[in-house]
Protein backbone atom coordinates (compact mmCIF):
# COMPACT_ATOMS: atom_id res chain seq x y z
CA UNK A 1 0.97 -79.75 53.71
CA UNK A 2 0.28 -83.30 52.31
CA UNK A 3 -1.18 -82.29 48.85
CA UNK A 4 2.01 -80.18 48.38
CA UNK A 5 4.38 -82.85 49.33
CA UNK A 6 2.48 -85.66 47.60
CA UNK A 7 4.95 -88.13 45.93
CA UNK A 8 3.82 -87.31 42.33
CA UNK A 9 4.78 -83.61 42.93
CA UNK A 10 8.41 -84.88 43.79
CA UNK A 11 8.82 -86.41 40.51
CA UNK A 12 9.43 -84.80 37.10
CA UNK A 13 6.16 -83.24 35.85
CA UNK A 14 4.81 -83.13 39.30
CA UNK A 15 4.82 -79.15 39.17
CA UNK A 16 3.31 -77.29 36.14
CA UNK A 17 6.46 -75.37 35.73
CA UNK A 18 8.53 -78.30 35.21
CA UNK A 19 7.49 -78.39 31.53
CA UNK A 20 9.43 -75.03 30.98
CA UNK A 21 12.40 -75.70 33.18
CA UNK A 22 15.76 -76.14 31.44
CA UNK A 23 18.24 -78.73 32.52
CA UNK A 24 21.29 -77.25 34.27
CA UNK A 25 24.11 -79.63 34.47
CA UNK A 26 26.19 -77.42 36.90
CA UNK A 27 28.10 -77.70 39.08
CA UNK A 28 26.81 -74.94 41.54
CA UNK A 29 28.63 -74.20 44.71
CA UNK A 30 26.50 -73.57 47.83
CA UNK A 31 28.77 -71.73 50.08
CA UNK A 32 27.28 -71.78 53.78
CA UNK A 33 28.40 -72.09 57.45
CA UNK A 34 29.19 -75.73 58.35
CA UNK A 35 25.91 -75.76 60.60
CA UNK A 36 23.58 -74.63 57.94
CA UNK A 37 20.62 -76.93 57.49
CA UNK A 38 18.63 -75.17 54.77
CA UNK A 39 20.45 -74.32 51.52
CA UNK A 40 18.58 -72.01 49.51
CA UNK A 41 21.19 -70.62 47.12
CA UNK A 42 24.40 -71.75 45.04
CA UNK A 43 26.50 -70.09 42.56
CA UNK A 44 27.53 -71.31 39.21
CA UNK A 45 29.84 -70.08 36.29
CA UNK A 46 29.71 -71.12 32.78
CA UNK A 47 32.40 -69.94 30.04
CA UNK A 48 31.27 -69.75 26.42
CA UNK A 49 33.71 -72.08 24.63
CA UNK A 50 33.49 -70.04 21.64
CA UNK A 51 33.69 -66.42 22.74
CA UNK A 52 35.21 -67.17 26.17
CA UNK A 53 32.34 -64.84 27.85
CA UNK A 54 31.58 -65.54 31.62
CA UNK A 55 27.88 -66.01 32.97
CA UNK A 56 27.27 -66.38 36.60
CA UNK A 57 24.09 -68.05 37.61
CA UNK A 58 22.66 -67.77 41.12
CA UNK A 59 20.57 -70.82 41.49
CA UNK A 60 18.05 -70.36 44.26
CA UNK A 61 15.65 -72.95 45.75
CA UNK A 62 12.08 -72.74 44.12
CA UNK A 63 10.30 -72.75 47.52
CA UNK A 64 6.89 -71.46 45.87
CA UNK A 65 6.52 -74.99 44.22
CA UNK A 66 5.86 -76.23 47.86
CA UNK A 67 4.35 -73.15 49.42
CA UNK A 68 2.33 -71.25 46.63
CA UNK A 69 1.11 -67.82 46.94
CA UNK A 70 -2.41 -67.61 48.40
CA UNK A 71 -2.48 -71.33 49.32
CA UNK A 72 -3.70 -72.17 52.76
CA UNK A 73 -0.27 -73.16 53.87
CA UNK A 74 1.21 -69.86 52.80
CA UNK A 75 -1.44 -67.76 54.53
CA UNK A 76 -0.96 -69.87 57.83
CA UNK A 77 2.88 -69.88 57.84
CA UNK A 78 5.06 -67.60 55.61
CA UNK A 79 2.54 -64.72 55.33
CA UNK A 80 1.86 -64.88 59.14
CA UNK A 81 5.48 -65.09 60.24
CA UNK A 82 7.29 -63.25 57.35
CA UNK A 83 10.84 -64.28 58.38
CA UNK A 84 12.87 -67.02 60.26
CA UNK A 85 14.09 -65.87 63.52
CA UNK A 86 17.58 -67.09 64.50
CA UNK A 87 18.14 -66.88 68.20
CA UNK A 88 20.86 -68.37 70.45
CA UNK A 89 18.14 -70.46 72.03
CA UNK A 90 17.08 -71.96 68.90
CA UNK A 91 15.77 -71.33 65.23
CA UNK A 92 12.08 -70.47 64.67
CA UNK A 93 11.55 -71.32 61.21
CA UNK A 94 9.08 -69.54 58.79
CA UNK A 95 8.31 -72.40 56.85
CA UNK A 96 7.28 -76.11 58.41
CA UNK A 97 10.29 -78.30 58.58
CA UNK A 98 8.79 -80.72 56.06
CA UNK A 99 8.33 -77.93 53.27
CA UNK A 100 12.08 -76.58 54.18
CA UNK A 101 13.40 -80.11 53.64
CA UNK A 102 11.60 -80.68 50.57
CA UNK A 103 12.60 -77.43 49.08
CA UNK A 104 16.24 -77.17 50.18
CA UNK A 105 19.04 -77.66 47.67
CA UNK A 106 20.73 -81.19 47.96
CA UNK A 107 23.48 -82.89 46.62
CA UNK A 108 21.86 -86.30 46.20
CA UNK A 109 19.06 -85.39 43.98
CA UNK A 110 18.17 -82.92 41.03
CA UNK A 111 16.50 -79.76 42.39
CA UNK A 112 14.06 -77.31 41.22
CA UNK A 113 15.59 -73.85 41.03
CA UNK A 114 14.59 -70.32 40.23
CA UNK A 115 17.65 -69.15 38.27
CA UNK A 116 19.17 -65.66 37.96
CA UNK A 117 21.76 -65.35 35.16
CA UNK A 118 24.13 -62.32 34.41
CA UNK A 119 27.37 -61.05 33.19
CA UNK A 120 29.62 -58.80 35.34
CA UNK A 121 31.76 -56.24 33.57
CA UNK A 122 35.54 -57.06 34.40
CA UNK A 123 36.27 -53.50 35.27
CA UNK A 124 33.20 -51.70 36.15
CA UNK A 125 31.45 -54.32 37.87
CA UNK A 126 28.15 -53.52 35.98
CA UNK A 127 25.58 -56.16 35.14
CA UNK A 128 24.49 -56.81 31.51
CA UNK A 129 22.93 -59.66 29.52
CA UNK A 130 20.83 -60.72 32.49
CA UNK A 131 17.64 -62.86 32.72
CA UNK A 132 15.66 -65.08 35.00
CA UNK A 133 14.19 -68.62 34.32
CA UNK A 134 13.32 -71.84 36.07
CA UNK A 135 15.57 -75.00 35.98
CA UNK A 136 16.38 -78.21 37.17
CA UNK A 137 19.69 -78.20 38.80
CA UNK A 138 21.45 -81.60 38.44
CA UNK A 139 24.95 -81.23 40.55
CA UNK A 140 25.22 -79.23 43.65
CA UNK A 141 28.33 -79.13 45.61
CA UNK A 142 28.30 -77.95 49.39
CA UNK A 143 31.33 -75.91 50.69
CA UNK A 144 31.67 -74.07 54.09
CA UNK A 145 32.96 -70.43 54.40
CA UNK A 146 36.12 -71.78 56.35
CA UNK A 147 37.07 -73.98 53.51
CA UNK A 148 36.86 -71.15 50.73
CA UNK A 149 38.42 -68.76 53.28
CA UNK A 150 41.34 -71.23 53.60
CA UNK A 151 41.44 -71.76 49.67
CA UNK A 152 41.53 -68.00 49.32
CA UNK A 153 44.30 -67.58 51.85
CA UNK A 154 46.44 -70.60 50.56
CA UNK A 155 46.32 -68.82 47.05
CA UNK A 156 47.12 -65.42 48.43
CA UNK A 157 43.92 -64.05 46.71
CA UNK A 158 42.52 -62.33 49.87
CA UNK A 159 42.25 -58.46 50.33
CA UNK A 160 45.73 -58.02 51.58
CA UNK A 161 47.21 -60.34 48.96
CA UNK A 162 49.06 -62.27 51.53
CA UNK A 163 49.34 -66.05 51.80
CA UNK A 164 48.27 -67.61 55.07
CA UNK A 165 51.23 -67.50 57.56
CA UNK A 166 52.79 -70.96 58.17
CA UNK A 167 51.24 -72.54 61.25
CA UNK A 168 47.97 -70.36 61.18
CA UNK A 169 44.97 -72.47 60.68
CA UNK A 170 46.75 -75.37 58.73
CA UNK A 171 44.65 -78.32 58.45
CA UNK A 172 41.85 -76.95 60.51
CA UNK A 173 39.31 -76.97 57.48
CA UNK A 174 40.46 -79.68 55.05
CA UNK A 175 39.02 -79.09 51.54
CA UNK A 176 36.04 -81.12 50.44
CA UNK A 177 36.92 -84.46 48.63
CA UNK A 178 35.38 -83.32 45.15
CA UNK A 179 37.64 -80.24 45.13
CA UNK A 180 39.68 -79.98 41.69
CA UNK A 181 41.67 -77.54 40.10
CA UNK A 182 38.59 -76.58 38.20
CA UNK A 183 36.46 -76.10 41.22
CA UNK A 184 39.36 -74.00 42.50
CA UNK A 185 39.54 -71.91 39.63
CA UNK A 186 35.69 -71.22 39.96
CA UNK A 187 35.62 -70.29 43.54
CA UNK A 188 38.73 -67.98 42.92
CA UNK A 189 36.98 -66.37 39.96
CA UNK A 190 33.70 -65.57 42.14
CA UNK A 191 35.91 -63.99 44.74
CA UNK A 192 37.74 -61.87 42.24
CA UNK A 193 34.42 -60.58 40.45
CA UNK A 194 32.97 -60.09 43.92
CA UNK A 195 35.86 -57.69 44.76
CA UNK A 196 35.29 -56.00 41.51
CA UNK A 197 31.63 -55.26 42.41
CA UNK A 198 32.67 -54.10 45.84
CA UNK A 199 35.64 -51.93 44.63
CA UNK A 200 33.25 -50.26 42.14
CA UNK A 201 30.67 -49.36 44.98
CA UNK A 202 33.31 -48.04 47.12
CA UNK A 203 34.73 -45.80 44.38
CA UNK A 204 31.41 -44.57 43.43
CA UNK A 205 30.69 -43.70 47.14
CA UNK A 206 34.16 -41.78 47.21
CA UNK A 207 33.27 -39.86 44.24
CA UNK A 208 30.06 -38.83 45.54
CA UNK A 209 31.77 -37.61 48.92
CA UNK A 210 30.46 -40.80 50.67
CA UNK A 211 32.34 -43.77 52.37
CA UNK A 212 31.19 -47.22 51.66
CA UNK A 213 29.63 -49.14 54.31
CA UNK A 214 31.52 -52.43 55.01
CA UNK A 215 29.33 -55.21 55.64
CA UNK A 216 31.92 -57.18 57.69
CA UNK A 217 30.78 -56.51 61.39
CA UNK A 218 31.18 -58.67 64.05
CA UNK A 219 28.28 -61.22 64.57
CA UNK A 220 29.20 -63.92 67.11
CA UNK A 221 27.79 -67.52 67.05
CA UNK A 222 26.37 -68.05 70.16
CA UNK A 223 25.29 -71.57 71.45
CA UNK A 224 22.90 -72.14 74.25
CA UNK A 225 21.88 -75.04 76.02
CA UNK A 226 19.77 -75.39 79.29
CA UNK A 227 19.90 -71.54 79.79
CA UNK A 228 23.67 -71.73 79.88
CA UNK A 229 26.19 -70.27 77.02
CA UNK A 230 28.06 -73.29 75.86
CA UNK A 231 30.36 -70.99 73.37
CA UNK A 232 30.90 -67.92 71.86
CA UNK A 233 32.71 -67.80 68.79
CA UNK A 234 33.31 -65.75 65.65
CA UNK A 235 31.57 -66.58 62.59
CA UNK A 236 32.10 -63.24 60.37
CA UNK A 237 35.49 -61.71 60.54
CA UNK A 238 37.56 -64.99 60.20
CA UNK A 239 35.86 -65.65 57.09
CA UNK A 240 34.96 -62.27 55.82
CA UNK A 241 36.65 -62.83 52.28
CA UNK A 242 34.59 -65.99 51.69
CA UNK A 243 31.53 -64.03 52.99
CA UNK A 244 32.23 -61.11 50.53
CA UNK A 245 32.32 -63.39 47.54
CA UNK A 246 28.90 -64.72 48.36
CA UNK A 247 27.34 -61.41 49.62
CA UNK A 248 28.33 -59.61 46.38
CA UNK A 249 27.04 -62.22 44.16
CA UNK A 250 23.78 -62.27 45.92
CA UNK A 251 23.66 -58.63 45.82
CA UNK A 252 24.16 -58.83 41.87
CA UNK A 253 21.29 -61.55 41.71
CA UNK A 254 19.02 -59.14 43.68
CA UNK A 255 19.75 -56.42 41.28
CA UNK A 256 18.88 -58.40 38.32
CA UNK A 257 15.45 -59.46 39.80
CA UNK A 258 14.73 -55.65 40.54
CA UNK A 259 15.80 -54.58 37.10
CA UNK A 260 13.81 -57.11 35.33
CA UNK A 261 10.67 -56.40 37.32
CA UNK A 262 11.23 -52.58 36.72
CA UNK A 263 11.51 -53.11 32.98
CA UNK A 264 8.21 -54.88 33.06
CA UNK A 265 6.65 -52.47 35.35
CA UNK A 266 6.08 -55.38 37.65
CA UNK A 267 5.18 -54.75 41.33
CA UNK A 268 7.43 -56.57 43.92
CA UNK A 269 8.72 -56.03 47.32
CA UNK A 270 11.67 -53.50 46.41
CA UNK A 271 14.24 -52.91 49.25
CA UNK A 272 15.44 -49.63 50.12
CA UNK A 273 15.54 -46.87 52.77
CA UNK A 274 13.01 -44.33 53.92
CA UNK A 275 14.01 -40.68 53.02
CA UNK A 276 16.03 -39.21 55.78
CA UNK A 277 14.20 -37.35 58.29
CA UNK A 278 15.59 -34.09 60.13
CA UNK A 279 16.88 -36.23 62.81
CA UNK A 280 19.04 -38.16 60.51
CA UNK A 281 20.32 -35.21 58.45
CA UNK A 282 21.45 -33.82 61.70
CA UNK A 283 23.17 -37.32 62.41
CA UNK A 284 24.98 -37.00 59.19
CA UNK A 285 26.30 -33.74 59.71
CA UNK A 286 27.08 -34.26 63.41
CA UNK A 287 30.03 -32.73 64.79
CA UNK A 288 31.45 -33.17 68.40
CA UNK A 289 30.50 -30.59 71.19
CA UNK A 290 32.83 -27.70 71.62
CA UNK A 291 36.10 -28.73 73.27
CA UNK A 292 36.29 -32.43 72.10
CA UNK A 293 39.76 -33.20 70.54
CA UNK A 294 40.25 -36.44 68.57
CA UNK A 295 43.97 -37.63 69.18
CA UNK A 296 45.72 -39.19 66.10
CA UNK A 297 46.21 -42.99 65.93
CA UNK A 298 49.41 -44.70 66.28
CA UNK A 299 49.61 -45.06 62.36
CA UNK A 300 47.75 -42.44 60.41
CA UNK A 301 48.42 -44.26 57.02
CA UNK A 302 46.45 -47.26 58.22
CA UNK A 303 42.93 -48.03 59.01
CA UNK A 304 42.91 -50.51 61.87
CA UNK A 305 40.19 -53.17 61.91
CA UNK A 306 38.69 -51.85 65.39
CA UNK A 307 38.70 -48.38 63.71
CA UNK A 308 36.86 -49.68 60.60
CA UNK A 309 34.15 -51.27 62.91
CA UNK A 310 33.58 -47.98 64.66
CA UNK A 311 33.27 -46.13 61.71
CA UNK A 312 31.12 -48.45 60.16
CA UNK A 313 28.63 -48.65 63.25
CA UNK A 314 28.67 -44.67 63.13
CA UNK A 315 27.82 -44.61 59.32
CA UNK A 316 24.88 -47.27 59.91
CA UNK A 317 23.56 -45.17 62.83
CA UNK A 318 23.10 -42.08 60.48
CA UNK A 319 20.67 -43.98 58.00
CA UNK A 320 17.33 -45.19 58.32
CA UNK A 321 16.47 -49.16 58.67
CA UNK A 322 15.54 -50.75 55.15
CA UNK A 323 12.17 -51.58 54.47
CA UNK A 324 10.34 -53.25 51.58
CA UNK A 325 8.02 -51.01 49.32
CA UNK A 326 5.96 -51.88 46.55
CA UNK A 327 7.50 -49.27 44.18
CA UNK A 328 11.28 -48.90 43.53
CA UNK A 329 13.13 -47.22 46.37
CA UNK A 330 16.68 -46.12 46.89
CA UNK A 331 18.98 -48.01 49.07
CA UNK A 332 21.35 -45.69 50.82
CA UNK A 333 23.71 -48.49 52.04
CA UNK A 334 24.14 -50.10 48.51
CA UNK A 335 23.63 -46.68 46.81
CA UNK A 336 21.10 -48.20 44.09
CA UNK A 337 17.52 -47.95 43.38
CA UNK A 338 17.66 -51.32 41.79
CA UNK A 339 17.42 -53.93 44.91
CA UNK A 340 15.13 -56.51 46.32
CA UNK A 341 15.46 -59.73 48.03
CA UNK A 342 15.22 -62.86 46.15
CA UNK A 343 17.91 -65.42 47.13
CA UNK A 344 16.68 -66.71 50.46
CA UNK A 345 12.90 -67.93 49.96
CA UNK A 346 13.12 -70.44 52.79
CA UNK A 347 13.70 -67.97 55.37
CA UNK A 348 12.16 -64.77 53.90
CA UNK A 349 8.75 -64.05 52.79
CA UNK A 350 9.79 -61.29 50.57
CA UNK A 351 11.75 -63.51 48.53
CA UNK A 352 8.71 -65.94 47.88
CA UNK A 353 6.67 -62.80 46.58
CA UNK A 354 9.60 -61.86 44.26
CA UNK A 355 9.53 -65.44 42.83
CA UNK A 356 5.91 -65.52 42.58
CA UNK A 357 5.68 -62.37 40.42
CA UNK A 358 8.82 -63.31 38.27
CA UNK A 359 7.67 -66.76 37.67
CA UNK A 360 4.42 -65.58 36.30
CA UNK A 361 6.40 -63.36 34.03
CA UNK A 362 8.37 -66.25 32.77
CA UNK A 363 5.41 -68.28 32.25
CA UNK A 364 3.88 -65.76 30.19
CA UNK A 365 7.09 -65.23 28.02
CA UNK A 366 7.30 -68.79 27.43
CA UNK A 367 3.53 -68.89 26.47
CA UNK A 368 4.04 -66.22 23.83
CA UNK A 369 6.84 -68.41 22.41
CA UNK A 370 4.38 -71.61 22.35
CA UNK A 371 6.57 -73.48 24.78
CA UNK A 372 4.07 -73.31 27.85
CA UNK A 373 1.19 -75.70 28.10
CA UNK A 374 -2.13 -74.50 29.53
CA UNK A 375 -2.00 -74.51 33.50
CA UNK A 376 -3.81 -77.52 35.01
CA UNK A 377 -7.13 -76.48 36.51
CA UNK A 378 -6.30 -78.03 39.91
CA UNK A 379 -2.81 -76.42 40.04
CA UNK A 380 -1.80 -74.99 43.23
CA UNK A 381 0.00 -72.25 41.66
CA UNK A 382 -1.84 -69.08 40.30
CA UNK A 383 -0.79 -67.35 37.20
CA UNK A 384 -2.13 -64.04 38.48
CA UNK A 385 0.39 -61.54 39.43
CA UNK A 386 -0.29 -59.89 42.93
CA UNK A 387 -1.97 -56.31 42.50
CA UNK A 388 -0.45 -53.17 43.45
CA UNK A 389 -2.86 -52.55 46.50
CA UNK A 390 -2.24 -56.01 47.96
CA UNK A 391 1.63 -55.76 47.34
CA UNK A 392 1.69 -52.54 49.28
CA UNK A 393 -0.14 -53.95 52.22
CA UNK A 394 2.29 -57.02 52.14
CA UNK A 395 5.27 -54.88 52.01
CA UNK A 396 4.20 -52.79 55.02
CA UNK A 397 3.50 -56.02 57.08
CA UNK A 398 6.56 -57.82 56.29
CA UNK A 399 8.58 -54.72 57.01
CA UNK A 400 7.30 -54.38 60.37
CA UNK A 401 7.71 -58.19 61.32
CA UNK A 402 11.24 -58.31 60.10
CA UNK A 403 12.07 -55.08 62.14
CA UNK A 404 10.57 -56.86 65.24
CA UNK A 405 12.33 -60.08 64.48
CA UNK A 406 15.71 -58.04 64.02
CA UNK A 407 15.27 -56.31 67.21
CA UNK A 408 14.53 -59.42 69.04
CA UNK A 409 17.59 -60.92 67.69
CA UNK A 410 19.83 -58.22 68.72
CA UNK A 411 18.41 -57.87 72.21
CA UNK A 412 18.68 -61.73 72.68
CA UNK A 413 22.35 -61.68 71.36
CA UNK A 414 23.43 -58.87 73.87
CA UNK A 415 21.69 -60.65 76.71
CA UNK A 416 23.49 -63.86 76.13
CA UNK A 417 26.88 -62.25 75.48
CA UNK A 418 26.76 -60.42 78.88
CA UNK A 419 25.75 -63.57 80.46
CA UNK A 420 28.74 -65.37 78.87
CA UNK A 421 30.95 -62.67 80.42
CA UNK A 422 29.16 -63.26 83.77
CA UNK A 423 29.93 -66.86 83.62
CA UNK A 424 33.56 -66.18 82.84
CA UNK A 425 33.87 -63.71 85.78
CA UNK A 426 32.23 -66.27 88.01
CA UNK A 427 35.27 -68.57 87.23
CA UNK A 428 37.71 -65.86 87.58
CA UNK A 429 36.44 -62.53 89.10
CA UNK A 430 39.67 -60.73 88.34
CA UNK A 431 39.74 -61.86 84.58
CA UNK A 432 40.98 -59.07 81.94
CA UNK A 433 39.49 -58.67 78.65
CA UNK A 434 41.74 -57.68 75.57
CA UNK A 435 40.36 -54.61 73.90
CA UNK A 436 41.04 -52.98 70.44
CA UNK A 437 40.84 -49.16 70.38
CA UNK A 438 38.77 -47.82 67.42
CA UNK A 439 38.37 -44.28 68.27
CA UNK A 440 39.62 -41.90 70.92
CA UNK A 441 38.14 -38.32 72.06
CA UNK A 442 39.52 -35.98 74.64
CA UNK A 443 36.83 -34.60 76.49
CA UNK A 444 38.67 -32.70 79.25
CA UNK A 445 37.50 -29.44 77.91
CA UNK A 446 33.97 -30.51 76.71
CA UNK A 447 31.36 -29.96 79.65
CA UNK A 448 28.70 -31.49 77.57
CA UNK A 449 30.45 -34.89 77.91
CA UNK A 450 31.17 -34.52 81.87
CA UNK A 451 27.56 -35.43 82.74
CA UNK A 452 27.95 -38.93 81.26
CA UNK A 453 30.99 -39.77 83.08
CA UNK A 454 29.03 -40.85 86.36
CA UNK A 455 28.89 -44.30 87.59
CA UNK A 456 26.12 -46.16 85.71
CA UNK A 457 25.08 -48.08 88.66
CA UNK A 458 24.87 -45.11 91.01
CA UNK A 459 22.63 -43.32 88.35
CA UNK A 460 20.28 -46.35 88.00
CA UNK A 461 19.97 -46.71 91.80
CA UNK A 462 19.20 -42.89 92.13
CA UNK A 463 16.55 -43.26 89.49
CA UNK A 464 14.91 -46.35 90.95
CA UNK A 465 14.71 -44.86 94.53
CA UNK A 466 13.16 -41.39 93.62
CA UNK A 467 10.78 -40.14 96.12
CA UNK A 468 7.30 -38.93 95.18
CA UNK A 469 6.81 -35.67 93.41
CA UNK A 470 6.71 -32.60 95.57
CA UNK A 471 3.70 -30.22 95.67
CA UNK A 472 4.99 -28.31 92.84
CA UNK A 473 5.45 -31.46 90.77
CA UNK A 474 9.04 -31.78 90.70
CA UNK A 475 11.07 -34.74 91.37
CA UNK A 476 14.10 -34.78 93.46
CA UNK A 477 17.33 -34.71 91.31
CA UNK A 478 20.34 -36.58 92.89
CA UNK A 479 23.72 -34.72 92.86
CA UNK A 480 26.10 -36.84 91.16
CA UNK A 481 29.82 -36.44 91.80
CA UNK A 482 31.91 -35.60 88.79
CA UNK A 483 34.56 -38.17 87.83
CA UNK A 484 38.16 -37.31 86.65
CA UNK A 485 37.94 -39.21 83.17
CA UNK A 486 39.57 -37.22 80.50
CA UNK A 487 38.76 -39.55 77.52
CA UNK A 488 36.02 -41.58 75.94
CA UNK A 489 37.11 -44.46 73.62
CA UNK A 490 35.18 -46.84 71.58
CA UNK A 491 36.64 -50.08 71.71
CA UNK A 492 36.08 -53.68 70.29
CA UNK A 493 36.37 -56.82 72.46
CA UNK A 494 37.45 -59.69 70.04
CA UNK A 495 36.99 -62.24 72.74
CA UNK A 496 33.25 -61.63 72.66
CA UNK A 497 32.71 -59.98 69.34
CA UNK A 498 31.34 -56.91 71.24
CA UNK A 499 31.85 -52.95 70.51
CA UNK A 500 31.45 -50.79 73.64
CA UNK A 501 32.62 -47.51 75.06
CA UNK A 502 34.76 -46.70 77.94
CA UNK A 503 35.68 -43.38 79.82
CA UNK A 504 39.18 -43.24 81.15
CA UNK A 505 42.17 -41.15 81.97
CA UNK A 506 44.74 -42.98 80.00
CA UNK A 507 46.73 -40.79 77.57
CA UNK A 508 48.47 -43.77 76.01
CA UNK A 509 45.18 -45.34 74.85
CA UNK A 510 45.47 -44.53 71.16
CA UNK A 511 43.74 -46.02 68.00
CA UNK A 512 45.39 -49.02 67.21
CA UNK A 513 46.62 -49.86 70.62
CA UNK A 514 45.91 -53.14 72.50
CA UNK A 515 44.56 -52.54 76.09
CA UNK A 516 43.10 -54.64 79.07
CA UNK A 517 39.93 -54.08 80.74
CA UNK A 518 38.16 -55.16 83.63
CA UNK A 519 34.39 -55.53 84.39
CA UNK A 520 33.11 -52.82 86.87
CA UNK A 521 29.40 -53.46 86.37
CA UNK A 522 27.61 -56.09 84.57
CA UNK A 523 23.50 -56.46 84.50
CA UNK A 524 22.70 -58.71 81.57
CA UNK A 525 18.91 -58.16 81.89
CA UNK A 526 19.25 -54.57 81.65
CA UNK A 527 21.83 -54.79 78.80
CA UNK A 528 24.40 -52.89 81.09
CA UNK A 529 28.10 -53.33 80.93
CA UNK A 530 30.56 -50.90 82.26
CA UNK A 531 34.43 -51.45 81.81
CA UNK A 532 37.52 -49.86 83.23
CA UNK A 533 40.83 -49.66 81.49
CA UNK A 534 43.67 -51.06 83.63
CA UNK A 535 46.54 -51.68 81.38
CA UNK A 536 47.66 -50.40 77.85
CA UNK A 537 50.18 -52.69 75.95
CA UNK A 538 52.50 -50.17 74.37
CA UNK A 539 54.79 -52.92 73.25
CA UNK A 540 52.56 -54.23 70.69
CA UNK A 541 49.71 -52.77 68.36
CA UNK A 542 46.53 -54.27 66.81
CA UNK A 543 48.48 -55.58 63.73
CA UNK A 544 51.40 -57.07 65.79
CA UNK A 545 49.00 -58.92 68.18
CA UNK A 546 46.72 -60.14 65.52
CA UNK A 547 47.33 -63.66 66.01
CA UNK A 548 46.66 -63.33 69.88
CA UNK A 549 43.31 -61.57 69.40
CA UNK A 550 42.05 -63.35 66.43
CA UNK A 551 42.80 -66.70 67.99
CA UNK A 552 40.61 -65.94 71.02
CA UNK A 553 37.88 -64.85 68.77
CA UNK A 554 37.75 -67.85 66.43
CA UNK A 555 38.33 -70.63 69.00
CA UNK A 556 36.48 -69.03 72.09
CA UNK A 557 38.01 -68.26 75.53
CA UNK A 558 37.39 -71.88 76.84
CA UNK A 559 39.70 -73.30 74.19
């Protein structure tokens, strides 16, 4: 690391690309969680004083300055690990911390950035007049999702258009000291254009007979210390409007990088989904077994939050996992063939590869204009683009490693969530968990469902105690007793940010209802959870009880 972190490289002129970097005054707004230590992107907005045209710029940490492609450091770290892995037990960085600290965007110094500039059509959400370049960012301002969410709610700019009710979250997230009217207008404008982009994608999906996939799924923040869960709180749903603003602008920046690369026939790690297999085609056209009836919800004119979560999970289960590919690939979730990853180079190797390829392109363009000097012979940065055969191999490797990391994170989160429930039950064995109902199916006349209603622990015990095979090679098959459940419901537990399925015989459990469940069986190491419905609160629905269950999700049960 030492040659790449040498003092002379930290100053102006220390990197060969410094000679072609523009000077960007900013400010750019880095919107992240309060606990984020590595800041790799920020959003800026410029308005042409003559025409009034708006230009958005996504400033991304220029990580390849400190970890160039094909350098010994890159071979040992980024290429070897491919992604940063976030687990409740800790964060396992792709890059050494010294490199991350050098490359992260900071408020107290000018930062080297890779810039993605574009305009957004105010009605269609389409991108135009886009470009990429490198720059020095002089002014960065950090703000948290909670602070932006509070600003949006106070201005009545959220999806529902309602101002925050009095007494809800007041004073919980004071605005940053630098926040002025101009800063507020920029943040509000970023959110407005993000909504335009999202609405355009939803409308396009509806026109083609598909439902859009909402990215606001539960993702709890789990803190672990000494093998004990310290806290489990919401980090997505309470700030979903602020996160939408960032996510849509990042998607726009990634689309720009893909479009620029494709227009120059440049090979980069494009992001997309595999062609659907026959299994997934069946999943898309899945119908319930004969005899299953779906009861109506409390309010057919409304889509409840738990209902939306269940529907989104079901749509996601019908598509393949996204991968990287060296040629343009259609992304079914975003419904586009112009997509890549470019905005998180401190935690994703694919983004660093995109930066390398596009920076070589930028250098060549500046060289043709006579603005780029000759690259020093001892430079760490290579001006050679990565050939197609090498990029194909890299894409396959990073797709596999990212999938492994994602599965590890999902398994770890589920284990620690169930461990958290286990700790709560030790304190109060009769504890009840609030549940929001997202879907209900009557299975009384569906024999295909009856086999699934046996007690899970009994099934596991029977399987684990199977005798040796008989002479004819057949195993003993335990006879399980049928249970009387008439319904199966997909529910959401806001206290632990967890979606689950329960079997029951409660006719009043409908979509939109608030219910109470107790734990029947719990095995964290096996990922097993079995719940039983013990009460249905018919006096209040999901909307009327929102303050109650959202408060539990945001603050954590111990609070």
